[in-house]
Amino acid sequence: MGLLSGARQWQAIDTKWAIPAGLFGGVFSALFGTGGPIYIVYLSARIEDKAALRATASIVVAISVWIRLALFIGTGLLLDATLVALVVVLLPVMVLGLWLGNRLHHALSGRGVLRLIAALLMANGVALIVRAIESLRA
């Protein structure tokens, strides 16, 4: 709870954590498509400045998306017309998310950004647990 309340003092972790963070982030990306939270946990423990954290996280996510896009197109997984239509329909949602993220970035302090990241990571973890339980029931 200390992280959510902002009670802890920020201190950079050792760069040796990059290897396990990258490994586990890659495994979770491959298995569940959700390696981003692991990368964000690592990056938020390495980068204190909220603008630098946001820029670095954006680049990491963009590279991951472009690699997946190339692989999915190369294997033919994204050549379905229904999927392409879904992407087009969801583009406004992406733009809205970028706009909202930019507004939040300017409205929150560095500590507030860390609290928001922690809350989003917890919500993502709960969603993964629920999805795993539902898949066990099926």
C-alpha atoms as a PDB file:
ATOM      1  CA  MET A   1       0.000   0.000   0.000  1.00  0.00           C
ATOM      2  CA  GLY A   2       2.976   2.281   0.467  1.00  0.00           C
ATOM      3  CA  LEU A   3       3.420   2.670  -3.282  1.00  0.00           C
ATOM      4  CA  LEU A   4      -0.225   3.615  -3.809  1.00  0.00           C
ATOM      5  CA  SER A   5      -0.141   6.155  -1.017  1.00  0.00           C
ATOM      6  CA  GLY A   6       3.131   7.608  -2.258  1.00  0.00           C
ATOM      7  CA  ALA A   7       4.738   6.973   1.122  1.00  0.00           C
ATOM      8  CA  ARG A   8       7.952   5.432  -0.135  1.00  0.00           C
ATOM      9  CA  GLN A   9      10.968   7.474  -1.131  1.00  0.00           C
ATOM     10  CA  TRP A  10      11.899   6.968  -4.786  1.00  0.00           C
ATOM     11  CA  GLN A  11      15.229   5.237  -5.287  1.00  0.00           C
ATOM     12  CA  ALA A  12      16.583   3.841  -8.544  1.00  0.00           C
ATOM     13  CA  ILE A  13      17.022   0.076  -8.689  1.00  0.00           C
ATOM     14  CA  ASP A  14      20.151  -1.532 -10.095  1.00  0.00           C
ATOM     15  CA  THR A  15      20.456  -1.959 -13.866  1.00  0.00           C
ATOM     16  CA  LYS A  16      20.895  -5.718 -13.293  1.00  0.00           C
ATOM     17  CA  TRP A  17      17.089  -5.873 -12.990  1.00  0.00           C
ATOM     18  CA  ALA A  18      16.831  -5.117 -16.742  1.00  0.00           C
ATOM     19  CA  ILE A  19      17.505  -8.753 -17.652  1.00  0.00           C
ATOM     20  CA  PRO A  20      14.768 -10.356 -15.512  1.00  0.00           C
ATOM     21  CA  ALA A  21      12.348  -7.517 -16.324  1.00  0.00           C
ATOM     22  CA  GLY A  22      12.976  -7.961 -20.043  1.00  0.00           C
ATOM     23  CA  LEU A  23      12.757 -11.739 -19.805  1.00  0.00           C
ATOM     24  CA  PHE A  24       9.518 -11.794 -17.814  1.00  0.00           C
ATOM     25  CA  GLY A  25       8.058  -8.927 -19.856  1.00  0.00           C
ATOM     26  CA  GLY A  26       8.807 -10.843 -23.047  1.00  0.00           C
ATOM     27  CA  VAL A  27       7.313 -14.067 -21.693  1.00  0.00           C
ATOM     28  CA  PHE A  28       4.148 -12.287 -20.556  1.00  0.00           C
ATOM     29  CA  SER A  29       3.938 -10.486 -23.909  1.00  0.00           C
ATOM     30  CA  ALA A  30       4.194 -13.770 -25.779  1.00  0.00           C
ATOM     31  CA  LEU A  31       1.782 -15.680 -23.535  1.00  0.00           C
ATOM     32  CA  PHE A  32      -0.799 -13.064 -22.604  1.00  0.00           C
ATOM     33  CA  GLY A  33      -0.059  -9.980 -24.714  1.00  0.00           C
ATOM     34  CA  THR A  34       0.480  -7.989 -21.508  1.00  0.00           C
ATOM     35  CA  GLY A  35       4.205  -7.575 -20.929  1.00  0.00           C
ATOM     36  CA  GLY A  36       3.845  -3.800 -20.697  1.00  0.00           C
ATOM     37  CA  PRO A  37       3.082  -3.676 -16.971  1.00  0.00           C
ATOM     38  CA  ILE A  38       6.319  -5.514 -16.183  1.00  0.00           C
ATOM     39  CA  TYR A  39       8.281  -3.074 -18.307  1.00  0.00           C
ATOM     40  CA  ILE A  40       6.536  -0.128 -16.622  1.00  0.00           C
ATOM     41  CA  VAL A  41       7.343  -1.438 -13.143  1.00  0.00           C
ATOM     42  CA  TYR A  42      11.006  -1.675 -14.118  1.00  0.00           C
ATOM     43  CA  LEU A  43      11.093   1.692 -15.886  1.00  0.00           C
ATOM     44  CA  SER A  44       9.322   3.500 -13.034  1.00  0.00           C
ATOM     45  CA  ALA A  45      11.975   2.131 -10.675  1.00  0.00           C
ATOM     46  CA  ARG A  46      14.759   3.412 -12.967  1.00  0.00           C
ATOM     47  CA  ILE A  47      13.413   6.758 -14.222  1.00  0.00           C
ATOM     48  CA  GLU A  48      12.255   9.371 -11.740  1.00  0.00           C
ATOM     49  CA  ASP A  49      11.306  12.175 -14.142  1.00  0.00           C
ATOM     50  CA  LYS A  50       7.684  11.668 -15.233  1.00  0.00           C
ATOM     51  CA  ALA A  51       8.232  13.112 -18.726  1.00  0.00           C
ATOM     52  CA  ALA A  52      11.227  10.839 -19.354  1.00  0.00           C
ATOM     53  CA  LEU A  53       9.290   7.857 -17.953  1.00  0.00           C
ATOM     54  CA  ARG A  54       6.331   8.572 -20.226  1.00  0.00           C
ATOM     55  CA  ALA A  55       8.545   9.012 -23.289  1.00  0.00           C
ATOM     56  CA  THR A  56      10.539   5.849 -22.587  1.00  0.00           C
ATOM     57  CA  ALA A  57       7.412   3.786 -21.894  1.00  0.00           C
ATOM     58  CA  SER A  58       5.848   5.096 -25.113  1.00  0.00           C
ATOM     59  CA  ILE A  59       8.871   4.041 -27.149  1.00  0.00           C
ATOM     60  CA  VAL A  60       8.976   0.589 -25.523  1.00  0.00           C
ATOM     61  CA  VAL A  61       5.282   0.033 -26.241  1.00  0.00           C
ATOM     62  CA  ALA A  62       5.604   1.381 -29.796  1.00  0.00           C
ATOM     63  CA  ILE A  63       8.533  -0.925 -30.589  1.00  0.00           C
ATOM     64  CA  SER A  64       6.646  -3.896 -29.146  1.00  0.00           C
ATOM     65  CA  VAL A  65       3.551  -3.060 -31.190  1.00  0.00           C
ATOM     66  CA  TRP A  66       5.499  -2.601 -34.430  1.00  0.00           C
ATOM     67  CA  ILE A  67       7.324  -5.913 -33.937  1.00  0.00           C
ATOM     68  CA  ARG A  68       4.029  -7.707 -33.293  1.00  0.00           C
ATOM     69  CA  LEU A  69       2.390  -5.977 -36.232  1.00  0.00           C
ATOM     70  CA  ALA A  70       5.180  -7.077 -38.571  1.00  0.00           C
ATOM     71  CA  LEU A  71       5.049 -10.646 -37.246  1.00  0.00           C
ATOM     72  CA  PHE A  72       1.260 -10.862 -37.438  1.00  0.00           C
ATOM     73  CA  ILE A  73       1.167  -9.469 -40.985  1.00  0.00           C
ATOM     74  CA  GLY A  74       4.038 -11.743 -41.999  1.00  0.00           C
ATOM     75  CA  THR A  75       2.192 -14.801 -40.727  1.00  0.00           C
ATOM     76  CA  GLY A  76      -1.128 -13.686 -42.218  1.00  0.00           C
ATOM     77  CA  LEU A  77      -2.899 -13.244 -38.877  1.00  0.00           C
ATOM     78  CA  LEU A  78      -3.826  -9.615 -39.586  1.00  0.00           C
ATOM     79  CA  LEU A  79      -5.037 -10.046 -43.142  1.00  0.00           C
ATOM     80  CA  ASP A  80      -8.660 -10.651 -42.125  1.00  0.00           C
ATOM     81  CA  ALA A  81     -11.008  -7.857 -43.296  1.00  0.00           C
ATOM     82  CA  THR A  82     -13.054  -8.029 -40.074  1.00  0.00           C
ATOM     83  CA  LEU A  83      -9.947  -7.451 -37.977  1.00  0.00           C
ATOM     84  CA  VAL A  84      -8.836  -4.532 -40.133  1.00  0.00           C
ATOM     85  CA  ALA A  85     -12.310  -2.996 -39.743  1.00  0.00           C
ATOM     86  CA  LEU A  86     -12.062  -3.411 -35.960  1.00  0.00           C
ATOM     87  CA  VAL A  87      -8.705  -1.612 -35.977  1.00  0.00           C
ATOM     88  CA  VAL A  88     -10.211   1.284 -37.931  1.00  0.00           C
ATOM     89  CA  VAL A  89     -13.172   1.482 -35.527  1.00  0.00           C
ATOM     90  CA  LEU A  90     -10.852   1.491 -32.499  1.00  0.00           C
ATOM     91  CA  LEU A  91      -8.501   4.210 -33.800  1.00  0.00           C
ATOM     92  CA  PRO A  92     -10.649   6.993 -32.258  1.00  0.00           C
ATOM     93  CA  VAL A  93     -10.389   5.200 -28.901  1.00  0.00           C
ATOM     94  CA  MET A  94      -6.605   5.266 -29.250  1.00  0.00           C
ATOM     95  CA  VAL A  95      -6.670   8.989 -30.014  1.00  0.00           C
ATOM     96  CA  LEU A  96      -8.912   9.581 -26.992  1.00  0.00           C
ATOM     97  CA  GLY A  97      -6.490   7.597 -24.819  1.00  0.00           C
ATOM     98  CA  LEU A  98      -3.551   9.667 -26.059  1.00  0.00           C
ATOM     99  CA  TRP A  99      -5.434  12.889 -25.367  1.00  0.00           C
ATOM    100  CA  LEU A 100      -6.465  11.744 -21.881  1.00  0.00           C
ATOM    101  CA  GLY A 101      -2.948  10.510 -21.107  1.00  0.00           C
ATOM    102  CA  ASN A 102      -1.496  13.858 -22.129  1.00  0.00           C
ATOM    103  CA  ARG A 103      -3.962  15.719 -19.906  1.00  0.00           C
ATOM    104  CA  LEU A 104      -3.218  13.430 -16.953  1.00  0.00           C
ATOM    105  CA  HIS A 105       0.525  13.761 -17.540  1.00  0.00           C
ATOM    106  CA  HIS A 106       0.333  17.519 -17.162  1.00  0.00           C
ATOM    107  CA  ALA A 107      -2.133  17.433 -14.267  1.00  0.00           C
ATOM    108  CA  LEU A 108      -0.335  14.910 -12.041  1.00  0.00           C
ATOM    109  CA  SER A 109       2.874  15.279 -10.081  1.00  0.00           C
ATOM    110  CA  GLY A 110       5.656  12.716 -10.429  1.00  0.00           C
ATOM    111  CA  ARG A 111       4.366  10.950  -7.313  1.00  0.00           C
ATOM    112  CA  GLY A 112       0.818  11.066  -8.665  1.00  0.00           C
ATOM    113  CA  VAL A 113       1.980   9.411 -11.880  1.00  0.00           C
ATOM    114  CA  LEU A 114       3.592   6.617  -9.845  1.00  0.00           C
ATOM    115  CA  ARG A 115       0.363   6.142  -7.870  1.00  0.00           C
ATOM    116  CA  LEU A 116      -1.654   6.015 -11.103  1.00  0.00           C
ATOM    117  CA  ILE A 117       0.772   3.482 -12.593  1.00  0.00           C
ATOM    118  CA  ALA A 118       0.529   1.346  -9.447  1.00  0.00           C
ATOM    119  CA  ALA A 119      -3.280   1.464  -9.505  1.00  0.00           C
ATOM    120  CA  LEU A 120      -3.376   0.546 -13.210  1.00  0.00           C
ATOM    121  CA  LEU A 121      -0.939  -2.314 -12.634  1.00  0.00           C
ATOM    122  CA  MET A 122      -3.109  -3.652  -9.819  1.00  0.00           C
ATOM    123  CA  ALA A 123      -6.222  -3.426 -11.996  1.00  0.00           C
ATOM    124  CA  ASN A 124      -4.401  -5.212 -14.816  1.00  0.00           C
ATOM    125  CA  GLY A 125      -3.271  -7.936 -12.405  1.00  0.00           C
ATOM    126  CA  VAL A 126      -6.806  -8.451 -11.158  1.00  0.00           C
ATOM    127  CA  ALA A 127      -8.073  -8.629 -14.742  1.00  0.00           C
ATOM    128  CA  LEU A 128      -5.467 -11.277 -15.573  1.00  0.00           C
ATOM    129  CA  ILE A 129      -6.416 -13.327 -12.522  1.00  0.00           C
ATOM    130  CA  VAL A 130     -10.112 -13.113 -13.421  1.00  0.00           C
ATOM    131  CA  ARG A 131      -9.358 -14.113 -17.017  1.00  0.00           C
ATOM    132  CA  ALA A 132      -7.263 -17.065 -15.823  1.00  0.00           C
ATOM    133  CA  ILE A 133     -10.033 -18.238 -13.470  1.00  0.00           C
ATOM    134  CA  GLU A 134     -12.614 -17.927 -16.257  1.00  0.00           C
ATOM    135  CA  SER A 135     -10.432 -19.950 -18.617  1.00  0.00           C
ATOM    136  CA  LEU A 136     -10.107 -22.697 -15.988  1.00  0.00           C
ATOM    137  CA  ARG A 137     -13.892 -22.893 -15.724  1.00  0.00           C
ATOM    138  CA  ALA A 138     -14.316 -23.284 -19.484  1.00  0.00           C
END
